[in-house]
Amino acid sequence: MMRRIFAILITVSFLVLFTQSCTVKLNGSSIPPELKTINVGYFENNAPLVVGTLSQQFTEALKAQIRSTTRLAIVQGEADASLSGNITGYSIEPVSIQATNNNVAPIAGATRLTITVNVVYTNKANKKFNFTQSFPAFADFTGDISTQESKLITTITTQLTNDIFNRAFANW
């Protein structure tokens, strides 16, 4: 009977020590157990070219990424960590030129939409993970931007939120 109690105590002690040194891993992220809340600020659009809905769309996409892949509660005000920043770039530029047969000036064969976001991440639990970084992402397209802009923005926003999430929570 004493052996059995001793074995149970050893097992429980081992489990307590093991679980206290672990971090929670979800979808490649390493979130320490003491990190329970995060404040995601509104990402204002300060780009020279402004799309009216981009700030709201980007901010909500970042929140959705955190909600769907972590156990963190998104709060306003005081939190264990915070993500803030602004949209600093929105540009449309040709990436390849296509010649024409009519001695007319060449036209763009493909065009690139690039969005750049400046992010400040603060982790109160472990300051070594704090960072300020610019994240660019792009998508190439052909044809008129007006018919494709919404889909392109969604694609680029997904790239950006994944990059920011990985930088903040994957510890790489």
Protein backbone atom coordinates (compact mmCIF):
# COMPACT_ATOMS: atom_id res chain seq x y z
CA MET A 1 0.00 0.00 0.00
CA MET A 2 2.85 2.42 0.83
CA ARG A 3 4.55 1.62 -2.46
CA ARG A 4 1.40 2.41 -4.35
CA ILE A 5 0.96 5.80 -2.61
CA PHE A 6 4.63 6.60 -3.18
CA ALA A 7 4.32 5.73 -6.90
CA ILE A 8 1.23 7.92 -7.24
CA LEU A 9 2.98 10.84 -5.51
CA ILE A 10 6.01 10.52 -7.80
CA THR A 11 3.78 10.38 -10.89
CA VAL A 12 1.74 13.41 -9.81
CA SER A 13 4.92 15.37 -8.99
CA PHE A 14 6.38 14.55 -12.39
CA LEU A 15 3.19 15.62 -14.17
CA VAL A 16 3.02 18.90 -12.25
CA LEU A 17 6.65 19.72 -13.07
CA PHE A 18 6.20 18.72 -16.71
CA THR A 19 3.04 20.75 -17.32
CA GLN A 20 4.41 23.89 -15.65
CA SER A 21 7.37 24.00 -18.04
CA CYS A 22 5.30 23.53 -21.21
CA THR A 23 3.91 26.11 -23.57
CA VAL A 24 0.69 25.73 -25.43
CA LYS A 25 1.18 24.90 -29.12
CA LEU A 26 -1.61 25.48 -31.61
CA ASN A 27 -1.04 25.49 -35.37
CA GLY A 28 2.71 25.96 -34.92
CA SER A 29 2.35 28.72 -32.35
CA SER A 30 4.09 28.77 -28.99
CA ILE A 31 2.00 30.67 -26.51
CA PRO A 32 3.19 30.60 -22.91
CA PRO A 33 0.46 29.69 -20.41
CA GLU A 34 0.78 33.08 -18.67
CA LEU A 35 -0.30 34.83 -21.89
CA LYS A 36 -4.10 34.89 -21.68
CA THR A 37 -5.23 38.16 -23.27
CA ILE A 38 -4.29 40.29 -26.26
CA ASN A 39 -5.31 43.76 -27.36
CA VAL A 40 -5.47 44.17 -31.14
CA GLY A 41 -5.53 47.86 -32.02
CA TYR A 42 -7.18 49.39 -35.08
CA PHE A 43 -4.72 49.50 -37.99
CA GLU A 44 -5.23 52.96 -39.47
CA ASN A 45 -4.57 53.35 -43.18
CA ASN A 46 -1.78 55.91 -43.65
CA ALA A 47 -0.82 54.77 -47.15
CA PRO A 48 -0.57 57.41 -49.88
CA LEU A 49 -3.29 55.52 -51.81
CA VAL A 50 -6.21 54.83 -49.46
CA VAL A 51 -8.91 52.18 -49.85
CA GLY A 52 -11.78 53.06 -47.51
CA THR A 53 -12.48 49.58 -46.12
CA LEU A 54 -8.90 48.29 -45.85
CA SER A 55 -8.27 49.31 -42.22
CA GLN A 56 -11.40 47.61 -40.93
CA GLN A 57 -10.92 44.53 -43.12
CA PHE A 58 -7.30 44.05 -42.09
CA THR A 59 -7.93 44.61 -38.36
CA GLU A 60 -10.83 42.14 -38.33
CA ALA A 61 -8.84 39.54 -40.31
CA LEU A 62 -6.01 39.73 -37.77
CA LYS A 63 -8.47 39.29 -34.89
CA ALA A 64 -10.10 36.35 -36.67
CA GLN A 65 -6.69 34.68 -37.14
CA ILE A 66 -5.97 34.99 -33.42
CA ARG A 67 -9.45 33.80 -32.39
CA SER A 68 -9.38 30.75 -34.65
CA THR A 69 -5.86 29.54 -33.86
CA THR A 70 -5.21 30.45 -30.23
CA ARG A 71 -6.86 30.35 -26.84
CA LEU A 72 -6.14 34.06 -26.28
CA ALA A 73 -9.02 36.35 -25.37
CA ILE A 74 -9.09 39.55 -27.41
CA VAL A 75 -9.72 42.46 -25.06
CA GLN A 76 -9.73 46.24 -25.21
CA GLY A 77 -7.42 48.08 -22.86
CA GLU A 78 -4.96 46.34 -20.56
CA ALA A 79 -3.78 42.94 -21.85
CA ASP A 80 -0.88 40.49 -21.53
CA ALA A 81 0.15 41.28 -25.13
CA SER A 82 -0.77 43.80 -27.79
CA LEU A 83 -0.63 44.16 -31.55
CA SER A 84 -0.90 47.62 -33.06
CA GLY A 85 0.32 49.49 -36.09
CA ASN A 86 -0.80 51.01 -39.34
CA ILE A 87 -1.06 50.38 -43.04
CA THR A 88 1.83 52.26 -44.60
CA GLY A 89 1.69 51.17 -48.21
CA TYR A 90 -0.81 50.39 -50.93
CA SER A 91 0.70 50.41 -54.40
CA ILE A 92 -0.17 49.17 -57.87
CA GLU A 93 2.81 48.72 -60.20
CA PRO A 94 3.52 46.86 -63.45
CA VAL A 95 5.77 43.82 -63.05
CA SER A 96 6.07 42.78 -66.68
CA ILE A 97 5.72 44.58 -69.98
CA GLN A 98 3.93 43.13 -72.99
CA ALA A 99 4.79 44.34 -76.48
CA THR A 100 2.06 45.20 -78.96
CA ASN A 101 2.06 44.55 -82.73
CA ASN A 102 0.74 47.95 -83.80
CA ASN A 103 3.78 50.12 -83.04
CA VAL A 104 1.92 51.34 -80.01
CA ALA A 105 3.57 51.80 -76.63
CA PRO A 106 3.98 48.55 -74.68
CA ILE A 107 1.34 47.70 -72.09
CA ALA A 108 1.57 46.07 -68.69
CA GLY A 109 1.45 42.29 -68.96
CA ALA A 110 1.05 41.76 -65.24
CA THR A 111 0.50 44.19 -62.42
CA ARG A 112 1.30 43.83 -58.72
CA LEU A 113 -0.77 45.08 -55.83
CA THR A 114 1.38 45.45 -52.72
CA ILE A 115 0.16 46.25 -49.22
CA THR A 116 2.60 47.05 -46.41
CA VAL A 117 1.70 47.03 -42.72
CA ASN A 118 3.88 48.30 -39.88
CA VAL A 119 3.31 46.24 -36.72
CA VAL A 120 4.28 46.76 -33.09
CA TYR A 121 3.98 43.63 -30.91
CA THR A 122 4.37 43.90 -27.16
CA ASN A 123 4.47 40.81 -24.95
CA LYS A 124 4.38 41.75 -21.26
CA ALA A 125 5.10 38.17 -20.18
CA ASN A 126 8.36 37.95 -22.12
CA LYS A 127 9.84 41.16 -23.54
CA LYS A 128 12.36 39.28 -25.70
CA PHE A 129 9.48 38.57 -28.13
CA ASN A 130 8.60 42.27 -28.58
CA PHE A 131 9.13 43.63 -32.08
CA THR A 132 8.41 46.46 -34.48
CA GLN A 133 8.48 45.32 -38.08
CA SER A 134 7.18 46.20 -41.52
CA PHE A 135 5.33 43.39 -43.35
CA PRO A 136 4.82 43.66 -47.12
CA ALA A 137 2.70 41.24 -49.15
CA PHE A 138 1.59 41.28 -52.76
CA ALA A 139 -0.51 39.60 -55.42
CA ASP A 140 -0.03 39.79 -59.18
CA PHE A 141 -2.94 40.20 -61.58
CA THR A 142 -3.75 41.02 -65.19
CA GLY A 143 -6.48 43.29 -66.45
CA ASP A 144 -8.37 46.01 -64.69
CA ILE A 145 -7.82 46.46 -60.93
CA SER A 146 -11.38 47.60 -60.21
CA THR A 147 -12.92 44.20 -60.98
CA GLN A 148 -10.32 42.30 -58.94
CA GLU A 149 -9.39 44.64 -56.11
CA SER A 150 -11.63 43.13 -53.43
CA LYS A 151 -10.38 39.58 -54.05
CA LEU A 152 -6.75 40.75 -54.23
CA ILE A 153 -7.08 42.61 -50.93
CA THR A 154 -8.52 39.49 -49.28
CA THR A 155 -5.64 37.36 -50.61
CA ILE A 156 -3.00 39.85 -49.47
CA THR A 157 -4.67 40.35 -46.08
CA THR A 158 -4.52 36.58 -45.51
CA GLN A 159 -0.79 36.57 -46.33
CA LEU A 160 -0.15 39.51 -44.01
CA THR A 161 -2.12 38.11 -41.07
CA ASN A 162 -0.32 34.76 -41.41
CA ASP A 163 3.09 36.47 -41.50
CA ILE A 164 2.29 38.67 -38.49
CA PHE A 165 0.78 35.77 -36.54
CA ASN A 166 3.83 33.58 -37.21
CA ARG A 167 6.23 36.35 -36.19
CA ALA A 168 4.34 37.03 -32.96
CA PHE A 169 3.45 33.48 -31.89
CA ALA A 170 5.60 30.91 -33.70
CA ASN A 171 8.85 32.20 -32.18
CA TRP A 172 10.93 31.80 -35.32
